[in-house]
Amino acid sequence: LDIFDKLARDAYFSNDSKKKEFAQDICWYLVCGKKSPIFGK
């Protein structure tokens, strides 16, 4: 949960374009990923 929290913030606040894109994709994973703690299916 701690790493997902950090990456969710990077998606919005990071100035590194590569890091930002990956973090945005992690947000997608959090919405529907198999091991997402806020989805869980």
PDB file of all heavy atoms in Angstrom:
ATOM      1  N   LEU A   1       0.824  -1.206   0.000  1.00  0.00           N
ATOM      2  CA  LEU A   1       0.000   0.000   0.000  1.00  0.00           C
ATOM      3  C   LEU A   1       0.860   1.258   0.000  1.00  0.00           C
ATOM      4  O   LEU A   1       0.506   2.265  -0.631  1.00  0.00           O
ATOM      5  CB  LEU A   1      -0.964  -0.001   1.188  1.00  0.00           C
ATOM      6  CG  LEU A   1      -2.318  -0.676   0.911  1.00  0.00           C
ATOM      7  CD1 LEU A   1      -2.166  -2.175   0.692  1.00  0.00           C
ATOM      8  CD2 LEU A   1      -3.319  -0.400   2.018  1.00  0.00           C
ATOM      9  N   ASP A   2       2.001   1.197   0.675  1.00  0.00           N
ATOM     10  CA  ASP A   2       2.899   2.354   0.704  1.00  0.00           C
ATOM     11  C   ASP A   2       3.457   2.668  -0.683  1.00  0.00           C
ATOM     12  O   ASP A   2       3.516   3.837  -1.090  1.00  0.00           O
ATOM     13  CB  ASP A   2       4.048   2.116   1.689  1.00  0.00           C
ATOM     14  CG  ASP A   2       3.616   2.212   3.140  1.00  0.00           C
ATOM     15  OD1 ASP A   2       2.593   2.871   3.420  1.00  0.00           O
ATOM     16  OD2 ASP A   2       4.303   1.618   3.999  1.00  0.00           O
ATOM     17  N   ILE A   3       3.880   1.639  -1.431  1.00  0.00           N
ATOM     18  CA  ILE A   3       4.445   1.896  -2.761  1.00  0.00           C
ATOM     19  C   ILE A   3       3.365   2.360  -3.731  1.00  0.00           C
ATOM     20  O   ILE A   3       3.593   3.247  -4.565  1.00  0.00           O
ATOM     21  CB  ILE A   3       5.206   0.655  -3.313  1.00  0.00           C
ATOM     22  CG1 ILE A   3       5.972   1.014  -4.599  1.00  0.00           C
ATOM     23  CG2 ILE A   3       4.289  -0.519  -3.568  1.00  0.00           C
ATOM     24  CD1 ILE A   3       7.063   2.060  -4.431  1.00  0.00           C
ATOM     25  N   PHE A   4       2.172   1.799  -3.614  1.00  0.00           N
ATOM     26  CA  PHE A   4       1.079   2.254  -4.477  1.00  0.00           C
ATOM     27  C   PHE A   4       0.696   3.698  -4.159  1.00  0.00           C
ATOM     28  O   PHE A   4       0.349   4.476  -5.052  1.00  0.00           O
ATOM     29  CB  PHE A   4      -0.135   1.341  -4.337  1.00  0.00           C
ATOM     30  CG  PHE A   4      -0.049   0.073  -5.152  1.00  0.00           C
ATOM     31  CD1 PHE A   4      -0.493  -1.131  -4.634  1.00  0.00           C
ATOM     32  CD2 PHE A   4       0.455   0.086  -6.441  1.00  0.00           C
ATOM     33  CE1 PHE A   4      -0.430  -2.306  -5.375  1.00  0.00           C
ATOM     34  CE2 PHE A   4       0.530  -1.085  -7.197  1.00  0.00           C
ATOM     35  CZ  PHE A   4       0.082  -2.285  -6.667  1.00  0.00           C
ATOM     36  N   ASP A   5       0.746   4.063  -2.887  1.00  0.00           N
ATOM     37  CA  ASP A   5       0.465   5.445  -2.497  1.00  0.00           C
ATOM     38  C   ASP A   5       1.468   6.395  -3.151  1.00  0.00           C
ATOM     39  O   ASP A   5       1.099   7.441  -3.714  1.00  0.00           O
ATOM     40  CB  ASP A   5       0.523   5.563  -0.967  1.00  0.00           C
ATOM     41  CG  ASP A   5       0.034   6.901  -0.451  1.00  0.00           C
ATOM     42  OD1 ASP A   5       0.722   7.915  -0.693  1.00  0.00           O
ATOM     43  OD2 ASP A   5      -1.029   6.948   0.199  1.00  0.00           O
ATOM     44  N   LYS A   6       2.748   6.040  -3.088  1.00  0.00           N
ATOM     45  CA  LYS A   6       3.792   6.878  -3.680  1.00  0.00           C
ATOM     46  C   LYS A   6       3.613   7.019  -5.187  1.00  0.00           C
ATOM     47  O   LYS A   6       3.710   8.116  -5.757  1.00  0.00           O
ATOM     48  CB  LYS A   6       5.170   6.289  -3.376  1.00  0.00           C
ATOM     49  CG  LYS A   6       6.323   7.109  -3.960  1.00  0.00           C
ATOM     50  CD  LYS A   6       7.656   6.424  -3.789  1.00  0.00           C
ATOM     51  CE  LYS A   6       8.784   7.274  -4.384  1.00  0.00           C
ATOM     52  NZ  LYS A   6       8.582   7.587  -5.825  1.00  0.00           N
ATOM     53  N   LEU A   7       3.345   5.891  -5.853  1.00  0.00           N
ATOM     54  CA  LEU A   7       3.214   5.918  -7.311  1.00  0.00           C
ATOM     55  C   LEU A   7       1.969   6.683  -7.750  1.00  0.00           C
ATOM     56  O   LEU A   7       1.995   7.389  -8.769  1.00  0.00           O
ATOM     57  CB  LEU A   7       3.193   4.489  -7.857  1.00  0.00           C
ATOM     58  CG  LEU A   7       4.540   3.758  -7.798  1.00  0.00           C
ATOM     59  CD1 LEU A   7       4.364   2.271  -8.050  1.00  0.00           C
ATOM     60  CD2 LEU A   7       5.526   4.361  -8.795  1.00  0.00           C
ATOM     61  N   ALA A   8       0.890   6.568  -6.990  1.00  0.00           N
ATOM     62  CA  ALA A   8      -0.317   7.328  -7.318  1.00  0.00           C
ATOM     63  C   ALA A   8      -0.031   8.827  -7.286  1.00  0.00           C
ATOM     64  O   ALA A   8      -0.550   9.593  -8.102  1.00  0.00           O
ATOM     65  CB  ALA A   8      -1.438   6.977  -6.340  1.00  0.00           C
ATOM     66  N   ARG A   9       0.822   9.252  -6.355  1.00  0.00           N
ATOM     67  CA  ARG A   9       1.194  10.669  -6.268  1.00  0.00           C
ATOM     68  C   ARG A   9       2.142  11.061  -7.409  1.00  0.00           C
ATOM     69  O   ARG A   9       2.033  12.165  -7.966  1.00  0.00           O
ATOM     70  CB  ARG A   9       1.830  10.961  -4.903  1.00  0.00           C
ATOM     71  CG  ARG A   9       0.860  10.759  -3.753  1.00  0.00           C
ATOM     72  CD  ARG A   9       1.471  11.016  -2.389  1.00  0.00           C
ATOM     73  NE  ARG A   9       0.618  10.452  -1.355  1.00  0.00           N
ATOM     74  CZ  ARG A   9      -0.485  11.031  -0.884  1.00  0.00           C
ATOM     75  NH1 ARG A   9      -0.856  12.204  -1.362  1.00  0.00           N
ATOM     76  NH2 ARG A   9      -1.209  10.436   0.048  1.00  0.00           N
ATOM     77  N   ASP A  10       3.054  10.158  -7.761  1.00  0.00           N
ATOM     78  CA  ASP A  10       3.950  10.428  -8.894  1.00  0.00           C
ATOM     79  C   ASP A  10       3.160  10.656 -10.181  1.00  0.00           C
ATOM     80  O   ASP A  10       3.577  11.450 -11.032  1.00  0.00           O
ATOM     81  CB  ASP A  10       4.913   9.257  -9.102  1.00  0.00           C
ATOM     82  CG  ASP A  10       6.025   9.204  -8.059  1.00  0.00           C
ATOM     83  OD1 ASP A  10       6.218  10.202  -7.341  1.00  0.00           O
ATOM     84  OD2 ASP A  10       6.688   8.145  -7.961  1.00  0.00           O
ATOM     85  N   ALA A  11       2.044   9.967 -10.324  1.00  0.00           N
ATOM     86  CA  ALA A  11       1.237  10.090 -11.539  1.00  0.00           C
ATOM     87  C   ALA A  11       0.804  11.527 -11.777  1.00  0.00           C
ATOM     88  O   ALA A  11       0.722  11.996 -12.915  1.00  0.00           O
ATOM     89  CB  ALA A  11       0.011   9.179 -11.445  1.00  0.00           C
ATOM     90  N   TYR A  12       0.554  12.249 -10.704  1.00  0.00           N
ATOM     91  CA  TYR A  12       0.067  13.626 -10.822  1.00  0.00           C
ATOM     92  C   TYR A  12       1.191  14.652 -10.663  1.00  0.00           C
ATOM     93  O   TYR A  12       1.230  15.656 -11.379  1.00  0.00           O
ATOM     94  CB  TYR A  12      -1.007  13.880  -9.762  1.00  0.00           C
ATOM     95  CG  TYR A  12      -1.772  15.177  -9.936  1.00  0.00           C
ATOM     96  CD1 TYR A  12      -2.821  15.277 -10.849  1.00  0.00           C
ATOM     97  CD2 TYR A  12      -1.447  16.304  -9.192  1.00  0.00           C
ATOM     98  CE1 TYR A  12      -3.522  16.458 -11.010  1.00  0.00           C
ATOM     99  CE2 TYR A  12      -2.143  17.489  -9.340  1.00  0.00           C
ATOM    100  CZ  TYR A  12      -3.183  17.564 -10.249  1.00  0.00           C
ATOM    101  OH  TYR A  12      -3.884  18.738 -10.414  1.00  0.00           O
ATOM    102  N   PHE A  13       2.114  14.403  -9.749  1.00  0.00           N
ATOM    103  CA  PHE A  13       3.067  15.434  -9.356  1.00  0.00           C
ATOM    104  C   PHE A  13       4.462  15.292  -9.962  1.00  0.00           C
ATOM    105  O   PHE A  13       5.232  16.251  -9.953  1.00  0.00           O
ATOM    106  CB  PHE A  13       3.209  15.463  -7.827  1.00  0.00           C
ATOM    107  CG  PHE A  13       1.965  15.895  -7.115  1.00  0.00           C
ATOM    108  CD1 PHE A  13       1.187  14.968  -6.428  1.00  0.00           C
ATOM    109  CD2 PHE A  13       1.561  17.221  -7.131  1.00  0.00           C
ATOM    110  CE1 PHE A  13       0.037  15.362  -5.763  1.00  0.00           C
ATOM    111  CE2 PHE A  13       0.414  17.626  -6.471  1.00  0.00           C
ATOM    112  CZ  PHE A  13      -0.352  16.697  -5.785  1.00  0.00           C
ATOM    113  N   SER A  14       4.833  14.121 -10.462  1.00  0.00           N
ATOM    114  CA  SER A  14       6.202  13.927 -10.942  1.00  0.00           C
ATOM    115  C   SER A  14       6.502  14.798 -12.165  1.00  0.00           C
ATOM    116  O   SER A  14       5.652  14.989 -13.047  1.00  0.00           O
ATOM    117  CB  SER A  14       6.443  12.453 -11.293  1.00  0.00           C
ATOM    118  OG  SER A  14       7.753  12.283 -11.801  1.00  0.00           O
ATOM    119  N   ASN A  15       7.732  15.312 -12.218  1.00  0.00           N
ATOM    120  CA  ASN A  15       8.190  16.092 -13.381  1.00  0.00           C
ATOM    121  C   ASN A  15       8.987  15.239 -14.366  1.00  0.00           C
ATOM    122  O   ASN A  15       9.388  15.721 -15.423  1.00  0.00           O
ATOM    123  CB  ASN A  15       9.057  17.270 -12.902  1.00  0.00           C
ATOM    124  CG  ASN A  15       8.251  18.276 -12.109  1.00  0.00           C
ATOM    125  OD1 ASN A  15       7.126  18.602 -12.479  1.00  0.00           O
ATOM    126  ND2 ASN A  15       8.823  18.777 -11.019  1.00  0.00           N
ATOM    127  N   ASP A  16       9.224  13.990 -13.999  1.00  0.00           N
ATOM    128  CA  ASP A  16       9.950  13.055 -14.864  1.00  0.00           C
ATOM    129  C   ASP A  16       8.924  12.363 -15.757  1.00  0.00           C
ATOM    130  O   ASP A  16       8.090  11.587 -15.284  1.00  0.00           O
ATOM    131  CB  ASP A  16      10.694  12.042 -13.987  1.00  0.00           C
ATOM    132  CG  ASP A  16      11.530  11.058 -14.796  1.00  0.00           C
ATOM    133  OD1 ASP A  16      11.083  10.640 -15.876  1.00  0.00           O
ATOM    134  OD2 ASP A  16      12.620  10.693 -14.320  1.00  0.00           O
ATOM    135  N   SER A  17       8.942  12.625 -17.048  1.00  0.00           N
ATOM    136  CA  SER A  17       7.895  12.150 -17.967  1.00  0.00           C
ATOM    137  C   SER A  17       7.801  10.626 -18.004  1.00  0.00           C
ATOM    138  O   SER A  17       6.698  10.067 -18.052  1.00  0.00           O
ATOM    139  CB  SER A  17       8.126  12.690 -19.378  1.00  0.00           C
ATOM    140  OG  SER A  17       9.397  12.299 -19.858  1.00  0.00           O
ATOM    141  N   LYS A  18       8.964   9.942 -17.961  1.00  0.00           N
ATOM    142  CA  LYS A  18       8.957   8.479 -18.002  1.00  0.00           C
ATOM    143  C   LYS A  18       8.370   7.906 -16.715  1.00  0.00           C
ATOM    144  O   LYS A  18       7.521   7.001 -16.735  1.00  0.00           O
ATOM    145  CB  LYS A  18      10.377   7.958 -18.210  1.00  0.00           C
ATOM    146  CG  LYS A  18      10.448   6.466 -18.511  1.00  0.00           C
ATOM    147  CD  LYS A  18      11.864   6.054 -18.884  1.00  0.00           C
ATOM    148  CE  LYS A  18      11.929   4.557 -19.203  1.00  0.00           C
ATOM    149  NZ  LYS A  18      13.315   4.145 -19.554  1.00  0.00           N
ATOM    150  N   LYS A  19       8.815   8.453 -15.581  1.00  0.00           N
ATOM    151  CA  LYS A  19       8.293   8.020 -14.288  1.00  0.00           C
ATOM    152  C   LYS A  19       6.800   8.326 -14.185  1.00  0.00           C
ATOM    153  O   LYS A  19       6.018   7.536 -13.661  1.00  0.00           O
ATOM    154  CB  LYS A  19       9.052   8.723 -13.161  1.00  0.00           C
ATOM    155  CG  LYS A  19       8.640   8.303 -11.764  1.00  0.00           C
ATOM    156  CD  LYS A  19       9.246   9.194 -10.681  1.00  0.00           C
ATOM    157  CE  LYS A  19      10.721   8.932 -10.518  1.00  0.00           C
ATOM    158  NZ  LYS A  19      11.294   9.699  -9.365  1.00  0.00           N
ATOM    159  N   LYS A  20       6.402   9.467 -14.699  1.00  0.00           N
ATOM    160  CA  LYS A  20       5.007   9.904 -14.637  1.00  0.00           C
ATOM    161  C   LYS A  20       4.100   8.961 -15.440  1.00  0.00           C
ATOM    162  O   LYS A  20       3.037   8.561 -14.971  1.00  0.00           O
ATOM    163  CB  LYS A  20       4.897  11.332 -15.177  1.00  0.00           C
ATOM    164  CG  LYS A  20       3.547  12.009 -14.953  1.00  0.00           C
ATOM    165  CD  LYS A  20       3.589  13.425 -15.508  1.00  0.00           C
ATOM    166  CE  LYS A  20       2.298  14.164 -15.251  1.00  0.00           C
ATOM    167  NZ  LYS A  20       2.170  14.608 -13.862  1.00  0.00           N
ATOM    168  N   GLU A  21       4.538   8.592 -16.658  1.00  0.00           N
ATOM    169  CA  GLU A  21       3.717   7.703 -17.492  1.00  0.00           C
ATOM    170  C   GLU A  21       3.534   6.339 -16.825  1.00  0.00           C
ATOM    171  O   GLU A  21       2.424   5.788 -16.799  1.00  0.00           O
ATOM    172  CB  GLU A  21       4.344   7.522 -18.876  1.00  0.00           C
ATOM    173  CG  GLU A  21       3.465   6.656 -19.786  1.00  0.00           C
ATOM    174  CD  GLU A  21       4.105   6.357 -21.129  1.00  0.00           C
ATOM    175  OE1 GLU A  21       5.315   6.007 -21.161  1.00  0.00           O
ATOM    176  OE2 GLU A  21       3.386   6.453 -22.147  1.00  0.00           O
ATOM    177  N   PHE A  22       4.631   5.806 -16.274  1.00  0.00           N
ATOM    178  CA  PHE A  22       4.519   4.510 -15.599  1.00  0.00           C
ATOM    179  C   PHE A  22       3.591   4.607 -14.389  1.00  0.00           C
ATOM    180  O   PHE A  22       2.763   3.727 -14.157  1.00  0.00           O
ATOM    181  CB  PHE A  22       5.902   4.015 -15.157  1.00  0.00           C
ATOM    182  CG  PHE A  22       5.847   2.733 -14.367  1.00  0.00           C
ATOM    183  CD1 PHE A  22       5.494   1.535 -14.977  1.00  0.00           C
ATOM    184  CD2 PHE A  22       6.117   2.723 -12.999  1.00  0.00           C
ATOM    185  CE1 PHE A  22       5.426   0.345 -14.246  1.00  0.00           C
ATOM    186  CE2 PHE A  22       6.055   1.550 -12.266  1.00  0.00           C
ATOM    187  CZ  PHE A  22       5.705   0.361 -12.892  1.00  0.00           C
ATOM    188  N   ALA A  23       3.714   5.680 -13.624  1.00  0.00           N
ATOM    189  CA  ALA A  23       2.861   5.859 -12.445  1.00  0.00           C
ATOM    190  C   ALA A  23       1.395   5.994 -12.845  1.00  0.00           C
ATOM    191  O   ALA A  23       0.497   5.497 -12.153  1.00  0.00           O
ATOM    192  CB  ALA A  23       3.316   7.082 -11.654  1.00  0.00           C
ATOM    193  N   GLN A  24       1.140   6.653 -13.967  1.00  0.00           N
ATOM    194  CA  GLN A  24      -0.238   6.752 -14.466  1.00  0.00           C
ATOM    195  C   GLN A  24      -0.780   5.376 -14.848  1.00  0.00           C
ATOM    196  O   GLN A  24      -1.950   5.067 -14.589  1.00  0.00           O
ATOM    197  CB  GLN A  24      -0.291   7.700 -15.665  1.00  0.00           C
ATOM    198  CG  GLN A  24      -0.088   9.156 -15.298  1.00  0.00           C
ATOM    199  CD  GLN A  24       0.115  10.047 -16.511  1.00  0.00           C
ATOM    200  OE1 GLN A  24       0.048   9.587 -17.659  1.00  0.00           O
ATOM    201  NE2 GLN A  24       0.376  11.324 -16.276  1.00  0.00           N
ATOM    202  N   ASP A  25       0.067   4.554 -15.446  1.00  0.00           N
ATOM    203  CA  ASP A  25      -0.351   3.188 -15.777  1.00  0.00           C
ATOM    204  C   ASP A  25      -0.606   2.377 -14.504  1.00  0.00           C
ATOM    205  O   ASP A  25      -1.502   1.518 -14.467  1.00  0.00           O
ATOM    206  CB  ASP A  25       0.698   2.499 -16.646  1.00  0.00           C
ATOM    207  CG  ASP A  25       0.719   3.028 -18.078  1.00  0.00           C
ATOM    208  OD1 ASP A  25      -0.157   3.848 -18.421  1.00  0.00           O
ATOM    209  OD2 ASP A  25       1.623   2.644 -18.844  1.00  0.00           O
ATOM    210  N   ILE A  26       0.157   2.653 -13.443  1.00  0.00           N
ATOM    211  CA  ILE A  26      -0.088   1.998 -12.154  1.00  0.00           C
ATOM    212  C   ILE A  26      -1.465   2.402 -11.617  1.00  0.00           C
ATOM    213  O   ILE A  26      -2.168   1.575 -11.010  1.00  0.00           O
ATOM    214  CB  ILE A  26       1.026   2.343 -11.144  1.00  0.00           C
ATOM    215  CG1 ILE A  26       2.314   1.589 -11.483  1.00  0.00           C
ATOM    216  CG2 ILE A  26       0.591   2.029  -9.709  1.00  0.00           C
ATOM    217  CD1 ILE A  26       2.275   0.090 -11.237  1.00  0.00           C
ATOM    218  N   CYS A  27      -1.861   3.645 -11.836  1.00  0.00           N
ATOM    219  CA  CYS A  27      -3.220   4.057 -11.442  1.00  0.00           C
ATOM    220  C   CYS A  27      -4.258   3.187 -12.144  1.00  0.00           C
ATOM    221  O   CYS A  27      -5.255   2.776 -11.534  1.00  0.00           O
ATOM    222  CB  CYS A  27      -3.459   5.531 -11.768  1.00  0.00           C
ATOM    223  SG  CYS A  27      -2.577   6.680 -10.697  1.00  0.00           S
ATOM    224  N   TRP A  28      -4.022   2.909 -13.432  1.00  0.00           N
ATOM    225  CA  TRP A  28      -4.924   2.010 -14.169  1.00  0.00           C
ATOM    226  C   TRP A  28      -4.938   0.631 -13.510  1.00  0.00           C
ATOM    227  O   TRP A  28      -5.998   0.033 -13.333  1.00  0.00           O
ATOM    228  CB  TRP A  28      -4.470   1.913 -15.626  1.00  0.00           C
ATOM    229  CG  TRP A  28      -5.341   1.049 -16.497  1.00  0.00           C
ATOM    230  CD1 TRP A  28      -6.375   1.457 -17.290  1.00  0.00           C
ATOM    231  CD2 TRP A  28      -5.240  -0.369 -16.676  1.00  0.00           C
ATOM    232  NE1 TRP A  28      -6.940   0.383 -17.941  1.00  0.00           N
ATOM    233  CE2 TRP A  28      -6.259  -0.755 -17.582  1.00  0.00           C
ATOM    234  CE3 TRP A  28      -4.406  -1.357 -16.162  1.00  0.00           C
ATOM    235  CZ2 TRP A  28      -6.455  -2.079 -17.980  1.00  0.00           C
ATOM    236  CZ3 TRP A  28      -4.604  -2.676 -16.553  1.00  0.00           C
ATOM    237  CH2 TRP A  28      -5.613  -3.028 -17.452  1.00  0.00           C
ATOM    238  N   TYR A  29      -3.749   0.129 -13.141  1.00  0.00           N
ATOM    239  CA  TYR A  29      -3.666  -1.173 -12.476  1.00  0.00           C
ATOM    240  C   TYR A  29      -4.441  -1.151 -11.159  1.00  0.00           C
ATOM    241  O   TYR A  29      -5.144  -2.112 -10.820  1.00  0.00           O
ATOM    242  CB  TYR A  29      -2.204  -1.550 -12.223  1.00  0.00           C
ATOM    243  CG  TYR A  29      -2.041  -2.906 -11.566  1.00  0.00           C
ATOM    244  CD1 TYR A  29      -1.954  -4.060 -12.334  1.00  0.00           C
ATOM    245  CD2 TYR A  29      -2.013  -3.038 -10.177  1.00  0.00           C
ATOM    246  CE1 TYR A  29      -1.835  -5.313 -11.744  1.00  0.00           C
ATOM    247  CE2 TYR A  29      -1.896  -4.279  -9.569  1.00  0.00           C
ATOM    248  CZ  TYR A  29      -1.811  -5.415 -10.360  1.00  0.00           C
ATOM    249  OH  TYR A  29      -1.711  -6.653  -9.763  1.00  0.00           O
ATOM    250  N   LEU A  30      -4.336  -0.075 -10.418  1.00  0.00           N
ATOM    251  CA  LEU A  30      -5.060   0.023  -9.153  1.00  0.00           C
ATOM    252  C   LEU A  30      -6.569  -0.028  -9.358  1.00  0.00           C
ATOM    253  O   LEU A  30      -7.301  -0.521  -8.507  1.00  0.00           O
ATOM    254  CB  LEU A  30      -4.666   1.314  -8.420  1.00  0.00           C
ATOM    255  CG  LEU A  30      -3.311   1.278  -7.711  1.00  0.00           C
ATOM    256  CD1 LEU A  30      -2.863   2.675  -7.324  1.00  0.00           C
ATOM    257  CD2 LEU A  30      -3.364   0.369  -6.488  1.00  0.00           C
ATOM    258  N   VAL A  31      -7.037   0.470 -10.478  1.00  0.00           N
ATOM    259  CA  VAL A  31      -8.471   0.461 -10.764  1.00  0.00           C
ATOM    260  C   VAL A  31      -8.978  -0.955 -11.041  1.00  0.00           C
ATOM    261  O   VAL A  31     -10.095  -1.307 -10.655  1.00  0.00           O
ATOM    262  CB  VAL A  31      -8.779   1.391 -11.966  1.00  0.00           C
ATOM    263  CG1 VAL A  31     -10.221   1.237 -12.437  1.00  0.00           C
ATOM    264  CG2 VAL A  31      -8.493   2.845 -11.589  1.00  0.00           C
ATOM    265  N   CYS A  32      -8.148  -1.790 -11.676  1.00  0.00           N
ATOM    266  CA  CYS A  32      -8.683  -3.088 -12.112  1.00  0.00           C
ATOM    267  C   CYS A  32      -7.686  -4.247 -12.050  1.00  0.00           C
ATOM    268  O   CYS A  32      -7.985  -5.339 -12.544  1.00  0.00           O
ATOM    269  CB  CYS A  32      -9.234  -2.971 -13.539  1.00  0.00           C
ATOM    270  SG  CYS A  32      -8.009  -2.436 -14.754  1.00  0.00           S
ATOM    271  N   GLY A  33      -6.526  -4.047 -11.445  1.00  0.00           N
ATOM    272  CA  GLY A  33      -5.516  -5.107 -11.408  1.00  0.00           C
ATOM    273  C   GLY A  33      -5.850  -6.220 -10.436  1.00  0.00           C
ATOM    274  O   GLY A  33      -6.502  -6.006  -9.409  1.00  0.00           O
ATOM    275  N   LYS A  34      -5.373  -7.416 -10.734  1.00  0.00           N
ATOM    276  CA  LYS A  34      -5.713  -8.607  -9.944  1.00  0.00           C
ATOM    277  C   LYS A  34      -5.266  -8.500  -8.494  1.00  0.00           C
ATOM    278  O   LYS A  34      -5.919  -9.032  -7.594  1.00  0.00           O
ATOM    279  CB  LYS A  34      -5.076  -9.856 -10.582  1.00  0.00           C
ATOM    280  CG  LYS A  34      -5.653 -10.212 -11.936  1.00  0.00           C
ATOM    281  CD  LYS A  34      -4.953 -11.418 -12.539  1.00  0.00           C
ATOM    282  CE  LYS A  34      -5.504 -11.723 -13.921  1.00  0.00           C
ATOM    283  NZ  LYS A  34      -4.823 -12.884 -14.540  1.00  0.00           N
ATOM    284  N   LYS A  35      -4.148  -7.865  -8.267  1.00  0.00           N
ATOM    285  CA  LYS A  35      -3.648  -7.735  -6.892  1.00  0.00           C
ATOM    286  C   LYS A  35      -3.745  -6.298  -6.380  1.00  0.00           C
ATOM    287  O   LYS A  35      -3.050  -5.912  -5.450  1.00  0.00           O
ATOM    288  CB  LYS A  35      -2.208  -8.247  -6.808  1.00  0.00           C
ATOM    289  CG  LYS A  35      -2.090  -9.745  -7.070  1.00  0.00           C
ATOM    290  CD  LYS A  35      -0.652 -10.214  -6.967  1.00  0.00           C
ATOM    291  CE  LYS A  35      -0.533 -11.703  -7.306  1.00  0.00           C
ATOM    292  NZ  LYS A  35       0.878 -12.163  -7.267  1.00  0.00           N
ATOM    293  N   SER A  36      -4.639  -5.544  -6.987  1.00  0.00           N
ATOM    294  CA  SER A  36      -4.855  -4.184  -6.502  1.00  0.00           C
ATOM    295  C   SER A  36      -5.608  -4.222  -5.179  1.00  0.00           C
ATOM    296  O   SER A  36      -6.690  -4.810  -5.091  1.00  0.00           O
ATOM    297  CB  SER A  36      -5.670  -3.376  -7.517  1.00  0.00           C
ATOM    298  OG  SER A  36      -6.201  -2.211  -6.901  1.00  0.00           O
ATOM    299  N   PRO A  37      -5.100  -3.564  -4.136  1.00  0.00           N
ATOM    300  CA  PRO A  37      -5.788  -3.582  -2.841  1.00  0.00           C
ATOM    301  C   PRO A  37      -7.093  -2.793  -2.830  1.00  0.00           C
ATOM    302  O   PRO A  37      -7.906  -2.972  -1.916  1.00  0.00           O
ATOM    303  CB  PRO A  37      -4.766  -2.953  -1.886  1.00  0.00           C
ATOM    304  CG  PRO A  37      -3.869  -2.149  -2.753  1.00  0.00           C
ATOM    305  CD  PRO A  37      -3.816  -2.858  -4.069  1.00  0.00           C
ATOM    306  N   ILE A  38      -7.301  -1.931  -3.820  1.00  0.00           N
ATOM    307  CA  ILE A  38      -8.566  -1.193  -3.838  1.00  0.00           C
ATOM    308  C   ILE A  38      -9.551  -1.768  -4.859  1.00  0.00           C
ATOM    309  O   ILE A  38     -10.641  -1.224  -5.038  1.00  0.00           O
ATOM    310  CB  ILE A  38      -8.341   0.314  -4.096  1.00  0.00           C
ATOM    311  CG1 ILE A  38      -7.602   0.540  -5.407  1.00  0.00           C
ATOM    312  CG2 ILE A  38      -7.599   0.949  -2.928  1.00  0.00           C
ATOM    313  CD1 ILE A  38      -7.534   1.995  -5.808  1.00  0.00           C
ATOM    314  N   PHE A  39      -9.162  -2.878  -5.496  1.00  0.00           N
ATOM    315  CA  PHE A  39     -10.078  -3.579  -6.408  1.00  0.00           C
ATOM    316  C   PHE A  39     -10.349  -4.983  -5.895  1.00  0.00           C
ATOM    317  O   PHE A  39     -11.471  -5.344  -5.586  1.00  0.00           O
ATOM    318  CB  PHE A  39      -9.498  -3.588  -7.821  1.00  0.00           C
ATOM    319  CG  PHE A  39     -10.348  -4.326  -8.817  1.00  0.00           C
ATOM    320  CD1 PHE A  39     -11.646  -3.915  -9.076  1.00  0.00           C
ATOM    321  CD2 PHE A  39      -9.847  -5.434  -9.494  1.00  0.00           C
ATOM    322  CE1 PHE A  39     -12.436  -4.599  -9.995  1.00  0.00           C
ATOM    323  CE2 PHE A  39     -10.626  -6.110 -10.415  1.00  0.00           C
ATOM    324  CZ  PHE A  39     -11.928  -5.695 -10.654  1.00  0.00           C
ATOM    325  N   GLY A  40      -9.312  -5.813  -5.825  1.00  0.00           N
ATOM    326  CA  GLY A  40      -9.417  -7.092  -5.138  1.00  0.00           C
ATOM    327  C   GLY A  40     -10.268  -8.147  -5.816  1.00  0.00           C
ATOM    328  O   GLY A  40     -10.924  -8.939  -5.143  1.00  0.00           O
ATOM    329  N   LYS A  41     -10.254  -8.176  -7.153  1.00  0.00           N
ATOM    330  CA  LYS A  41     -10.981  -9.209  -7.896  1.00  0.00           C
ATOM    331  C   LYS A  41     -10.076  -9.764  -8.987  1.00  0.00           C
ATOM    332  O   LYS A  41      -9.072  -9.152  -9.364  1.00  0.00           O
ATOM    333  CB  LYS A  41     -12.256  -8.642  -8.527  1.00  0.00           C
ATOM    334  CG  LYS A  41     -13.252  -8.072  -7.542  1.00  0.00           C
ATOM    335  CD  LYS A  41     -14.463  -7.506  -8.278  1.00  0.00           C
ATOM    336  CE  LYS A  41     -15.426  -6.823  -7.336  1.00  0.00           C
ATOM    337  NZ  LYS A  41     -16.585  -6.236  -8.043  1.00  0.00           N
TER     338      LYS A  41
END
